[in-house]
């Protein structure tokens, strides 16, 4: 059975690959979070501007 790619990587390379993957996930979560905050803010601004006085 030939060795897989994970077996060929050194522990340092494996750690860097995992760190890069985790960092990418954090950036996606940050993007969704910021998009959500802006969406809520725009809805609140719309509600305030169109509220009956």
PDB file of N, CA and C in Angstrom:
ATOM      1  N   UNK A   1       0.855  -1.182   0.000  1.00  0.00           N
ATOM      2  CA  UNK A   1       0.000   0.000   0.000  1.00  0.00           C
ATOM      3  C   UNK A   1       0.897   1.239   0.000  1.00  0.00           C
ATOM      4  N   UNK A   2       0.736   2.170  -0.971  1.00  0.00           N
ATOM      5  CA  UNK A   2       1.581   3.377  -0.999  1.00  0.00           C
ATOM      6  C   UNK A   2       1.193   4.321   0.131  1.00  0.00           C
ATOM      7  N   UNK A   3       2.163   5.086   0.608  1.00  0.00           N
ATOM      8  CA  UNK A   3       1.862   6.031   1.696  1.00  0.00           C
ATOM      9  C   UNK A   3       0.958   7.152   1.191  1.00  0.00           C
ATOM     10  N   UNK A   4       0.061   7.603   2.047  1.00  0.00           N
ATOM     11  CA  UNK A   4      -0.829   8.705   1.679  1.00  0.00           C
ATOM     12  C   UNK A   4      -0.084  10.027   1.839  1.00  0.00           C
ATOM     13  N   UNK A   5      -0.727  11.107   1.397  1.00  0.00           N
ATOM     14  CA  UNK A   5      -0.095  12.427   1.494  1.00  0.00           C
ATOM     15  C   UNK A   5       0.139  12.827   2.945  1.00  0.00           C
ATOM     16  N   UNK A   6      -0.780  12.438   3.837  1.00  0.00           N
ATOM     17  CA  UNK A   6      -0.630  12.801   5.245  1.00  0.00           C
ATOM     18  C   UNK A   6       0.597  12.148   5.860  1.00  0.00           C
ATOM     19  N   UNK A   7       0.916  10.917   5.413  1.00  0.00           N
ATOM     20  CA  UNK A   7       2.089  10.221   5.949  1.00  0.00           C
ATOM     21  C   UNK A   7       3.374  10.886   5.477  1.00  0.00           C
ATOM     22  N   UNK A   8       3.341  11.491   4.279  1.00  0.00           N
ATOM     23  CA  UNK A   8       4.543  12.094   3.711  1.00  0.00           C
ATOM     24  C   UNK A   8       4.855  13.449   4.348  1.00  0.00           C
ATOM     25  N   UNK A   9       3.868  14.081   4.964  1.00  0.00           N
ATOM     26  CA  UNK A   9       4.076  15.400   5.555  1.00  0.00           C
ATOM     27  C   UNK A   9       4.767  15.283   6.903  1.00  0.00           C
ATOM     28  N   UNK A  10       5.633  16.241   7.158  1.00  0.00           N
ATOM     29  CA  UNK A  10       6.256  16.305   8.483  1.00  0.00           C
ATOM     30  C   UNK A  10       5.230  16.887   9.455  1.00  0.00           C
ATOM     31  N   UNK A  11       5.443  16.700  10.761  1.00  0.00           N
ATOM     32  CA  UNK A  11       4.501  17.287  11.727  1.00  0.00           C
ATOM     33  C   UNK A  11       4.352  18.800  11.569  1.00  0.00           C
ATOM     34  N   UNK A  12       5.446  19.471  11.226  1.00  0.00           N
ATOM     35  CA  UNK A  12       5.394  20.931  11.042  1.00  0.00           C
ATOM     36  C   UNK A  12       4.517  21.287   9.841  1.00  0.00           C
ATOM     37  N   UNK A  13       4.679  20.560   8.741  1.00  0.00           N
ATOM     38  CA  UNK A  13       3.865  20.830   7.551  1.00  0.00           C
ATOM     39  C   UNK A  13       2.392  20.538   7.825  1.00  0.00           C
ATOM     40  N   UNK A  14       2.138  19.459   8.568  1.00  0.00           N
ATOM     41  CA  UNK A  14       0.758  19.103   8.912  1.00  0.00           C
ATOM     42  C   UNK A  14       0.135  20.190   9.789  1.00  0.00           C
ATOM     43  N   UNK A  15       0.917  20.705  10.745  1.00  0.00           N
ATOM     44  CA  UNK A  15       0.425  21.765  11.633  1.00  0.00           C
ATOM     45  C   UNK A  15       0.124  23.031  10.833  1.00  0.00           C
ATOM     46  N   UNK A  16       1.014  23.389   9.907  1.00  0.00           N
ATOM     47  CA  UNK A  16       0.792  24.586   9.089  1.00  0.00           C
ATOM     48  C   UNK A  16      -0.440  24.430   8.194  1.00  0.00           C
ATOM     49  N   UNK A  17      -0.643  23.238   7.643  1.00  0.00           N
ATOM     50  CA  UNK A  17      -1.817  23.012   6.799  1.00  0.00           C
ATOM     51  C   UNK A  17      -3.091  23.130   7.631  1.00  0.00           C
ATOM     52  N   UNK A  18      -3.091  22.556   8.816  1.00  0.00           N
ATOM     53  CA  UNK A  18      -4.266  22.638   9.693  1.00  0.00           C
ATOM     54  C   UNK A  18      -4.511  24.080  10.127  1.00  0.00           C
ATOM     55  N   UNK A  19      -3.435  24.813  10.427  1.00  0.00           N
ATOM     56  CA  UNK A  19      -3.569  26.210  10.847  1.00  0.00           C
ATOM     57  C   UNK A  19      -4.158  27.053   9.722  1.00  0.00           C
ATOM     58  N   UNK A  20      -3.701  26.825   8.499  1.00  0.00           N
ATOM     59  CA  UNK A  20      -4.211  27.568   7.349  1.00  0.00           C
ATOM     60  C   UNK A  20      -5.698  27.281   7.156  1.00  0.00           C
ATOM     61  N   UNK A  21      -6.086  26.005   7.281  1.00  0.00           N
ATOM     62  CA  UNK A  21      -7.496  25.642   7.146  1.00  0.00           C
ATOM     63  C   UNK A  21      -8.328  26.306   8.227  1.00  0.00           C
ATOM     64  N   UNK A  22      -7.858  26.279   9.460  1.00  0.00           N
ATOM     65  CA  UNK A  22      -8.601  26.888  10.567  1.00  0.00           C
ATOM     66  C   UNK A  22      -8.713  28.398  10.380  1.00  0.00           C
ATOM     67  N   UNK A  23      -7.646  29.023   9.889  1.00  0.00           N
ATOM     68  CA  UNK A  23      -7.677  30.476   9.673  1.00  0.00           C
ATOM     69  C   UNK A  23      -8.701  30.841   8.608  1.00  0.00           C
ATOM     70  N   UNK A  24      -8.779  30.027   7.565  1.00  0.00           N
ATOM     71  CA  UNK A  24      -9.762  30.271   6.505  1.00  0.00           C
ATOM     72  C   UNK A  24     -11.183  30.175   7.068  1.00  0.00           C
ATOM     73  N   UNK A  25     -11.429  29.205   7.948  1.00  0.00           N
ATOM     74  CA  UNK A  25     -12.749  29.051   8.566  1.00  0.00           C
ATOM     75  C   UNK A  25     -13.075  30.272   9.423  1.00  0.00           C
ATOM     76  N   UNK A  26     -12.097  30.775  10.168  1.00  0.00           N
ATOM     77  CA  UNK A  26     -12.318  31.959  11.010  1.00  0.00           C
ATOM     78  C   UNK A  26     -12.689  33.162  10.151  1.00  0.00           C
ATOM     79  N   UNK A  27     -12.022  33.330   9.014  1.00  0.00           N
ATOM     80  CA  UNK A  27     -12.345  34.450   8.133  1.00  0.00           C
ATOM     81  C   UNK A  27     -13.763  34.343   7.591  1.00  0.00           C
ATOM     82  N   UNK A  28     -14.210  33.108   7.255  1.00  0.00           N
ATOM     83  CA  UNK A  28     -15.591  32.934   6.790  1.00  0.00           C
ATOM     84  C   UNK A  28     -16.576  33.299   7.886  1.00  0.00           C
ATOM     85  N   UNK A  29     -16.316  32.839   9.121  1.00  0.00           N
ATOM     86  CA  UNK A  29     -17.209  33.189  10.231  1.00  0.00           C
ATOM     87  C   UNK A  29     -17.241  34.704  10.442  1.00  0.00           C
ATOM     88  N   UNK A  30     -16.091  35.354  10.366  1.00  0.00           N
ATOM     89  CA  UNK A  30     -16.037  36.804  10.522  1.00  0.00           C
ATOM     90  C   UNK A  30     -16.845  37.497   9.423  1.00  0.00           C
ATOM     91  N   UNK A  31     -16.714  37.028   8.195  1.00  0.00           N
ATOM     92  CA  UNK A  31     -17.465  37.608   7.083  1.00  0.00           C
ATOM     93  C   UNK A  31     -18.966  37.486   7.272  1.00  0.00           C
ATOM     94  N   UNK A  32     -19.419  36.283   7.658  1.00  0.00           N
ATOM     95  CA  UNK A  32     -20.854  36.089   7.907  1.00  0.00           C
ATOM     96  C   UNK A  32     -21.335  36.955   9.065  1.00  0.00           C
ATOM     97  N   UNK A  33     -20.524  37.052  10.118  1.00  0.00           N
ATOM     98  CA  UNK A  33     -20.889  37.860  11.284  1.00  0.00           C
ATOM     99  C   UNK A  33     -21.053  39.331  10.900  1.00  0.00           C
ATOM    100  N   UNK A  34     -20.071  39.874  10.173  1.00  0.00           N
ATOM    101  CA  UNK A  34     -20.142  41.283   9.772  1.00  0.00           C
ATOM    102  C   UNK A  34     -21.306  41.527   8.814  1.00  0.00           C
ATOM    103  N   UNK A  35     -21.543  40.595   7.891  1.00  0.00           N
ATOM    104  CA  UNK A  35     -22.684  40.733   6.987  1.00  0.00           C
ATOM    105  C   UNK A  35     -23.987  40.753   7.784  1.00  0.00           C
ATOM    106  N   UNK A  36     -24.102  39.875   8.760  1.00  0.00           N
ATOM    107  CA  UNK A  36     -25.306  39.817   9.587  1.00  0.00           C
ATOM    108  C   UNK A  36     -25.536  41.089  10.365  1.00  0.00           C
ATOM    109  N   UNK A  37     -24.473  41.636  10.943  1.00  0.00           N
ATOM    110  CA  UNK A  37     -24.596  42.878  11.711  1.00  0.00           C
ATOM    111  C   UNK A  37     -25.078  44.011  10.801  1.00  0.00           C
ATOM    112  N   UNK A  38     -24.512  44.100   9.597  1.00  0.00           N
ATOM    113  CA  UNK A  38     -24.929  45.163   8.693  1.00  0.00           C
ATOM    114  C   UNK A  38     -26.372  44.969   8.233  1.00  0.00           C
ATOM    115  N   UNK A  39     -26.751  43.737   7.994  1.00  0.00           N
ATOM    116  CA  UNK A  39     -28.131  43.471   7.598  1.00  0.00           C
ATOM    117  C   UNK A  39     -29.100  43.901   8.698  1.00  0.00           C
ATOM    118  N   UNK A  40     -28.799  43.551   9.937  1.00  0.00           N
ATOM    119  CA  UNK A  40     -29.652  43.956  11.065  1.00  0.00           C
ATOM    120  C   UNK A  40     -29.679  45.480  11.182  1.00  0.00           C
ATOM    121  N   UNK A  41     -28.525  46.124  11.017  1.00  0.00           N
ATOM    122  CA  UNK A  41     -28.464  47.586  11.117  1.00  0.00           C
ATOM    123  C   UNK A  41     -29.325  48.241  10.044  1.00  0.00           C
ATOM    124  N   UNK A  42     -29.258  47.744   8.811  1.00  0.00           N
ATOM    125  CA  UNK A  42     -30.066  48.330   7.741  1.00  0.00           C
ATOM    126  C   UNK A  42     -31.560  48.131   7.993  1.00  0.00           C
ATOM    127  N   UNK A  43     -31.942  46.968   8.509  1.00  0.00           N
ATOM    128  CA  UNK A  43     -33.347  46.725   8.835  1.00  0.00           C
ATOM    129  C   UNK A  43     -33.795  47.672   9.941  1.00  0.00           C
ATOM    130  N   UNK A  44     -32.954  47.886  10.948  1.00  0.00           N
ATOM    131  CA  UNK A  44     -33.312  48.801  12.042  1.00  0.00           C
ATOM    132  C   UNK A  44     -33.414  50.236  11.535  1.00  0.00           C
ATOM    133  N   UNK A  45     -32.504  50.643  10.664  1.00  0.00           N
ATOM    134  CA  UNK A  45     -32.571  51.992  10.093  1.00  0.00           C
ATOM    135  C   UNK A  45     -33.851  52.151   9.279  1.00  0.00           C
ATOM    136  N   UNK A  46     -34.178  51.131   8.487  1.00  0.00           N
ATOM    137  CA  UNK A  46     -35.405  51.173   7.699  1.00  0.00           C
ATOM    138  C   UNK A  46     -36.627  51.288   8.608  1.00  0.00           C
ATOM    139  N   UNK A  47     -36.642  50.509   9.699  1.00  0.00           N
ATOM    140  CA  UNK A  47     -37.770  50.535  10.625  1.00  0.00           C
ATOM    141  C   UNK A  47     -37.924  51.893  11.276  1.00  0.00           C
ATOM    142  N   UNK A  48     -36.818  52.503  11.662  1.00  0.00           N
ATOM    143  CA  UNK A  48     -36.874  53.810  12.322  1.00  0.00           C
ATOM    144  C   UNK A  48     -37.325  54.886  11.331  1.00  0.00           C
ATOM    145  N   UNK A  49     -36.826  54.813  10.098  1.00  0.00           N
ATOM    146  CA  UNK A  49     -37.171  55.834   9.118  1.00  0.00           C
ATOM    147  C   UNK A  49     -38.631  55.721   8.669  1.00  0.00           C
ATOM    148  N   UNK A  50     -39.226  54.538   8.747  1.00  0.00           N
ATOM    149  CA  UNK A  50     -40.590  54.355   8.273  1.00  0.00           C
ATOM    150  C   UNK A  50     -41.585  54.159   9.407  1.00  0.00           C
ATOM    151  N   UNK A  51     -41.174  54.442  10.611  1.00  0.00           N
ATOM    152  CA  UNK A  51     -42.087  54.289  11.752  1.00  0.00           C
ATOM    153  C   UNK A  51     -43.123  55.427  11.746  1.00  0.00           C
ATOM    154  N   UNK A  52     -44.307  55.102  12.175  1.00  0.00           N
ATOM    155  CA  UNK A  52     -45.347  56.127  12.314  1.00  0.00           C
ATOM    156  C   UNK A  52     -45.018  57.014  13.510  1.00  0.00           C
ATOM    157  N   UNK A  53     -45.311  58.301  13.341  1.00  0.00           N
ATOM    158  CA  UNK A  53     -44.995  59.221  14.437  1.00  0.00           C
ATOM    159  C   UNK A  53     -46.208  59.562  15.226  1.00  0.00           C
TER     160      UNK A  53
END
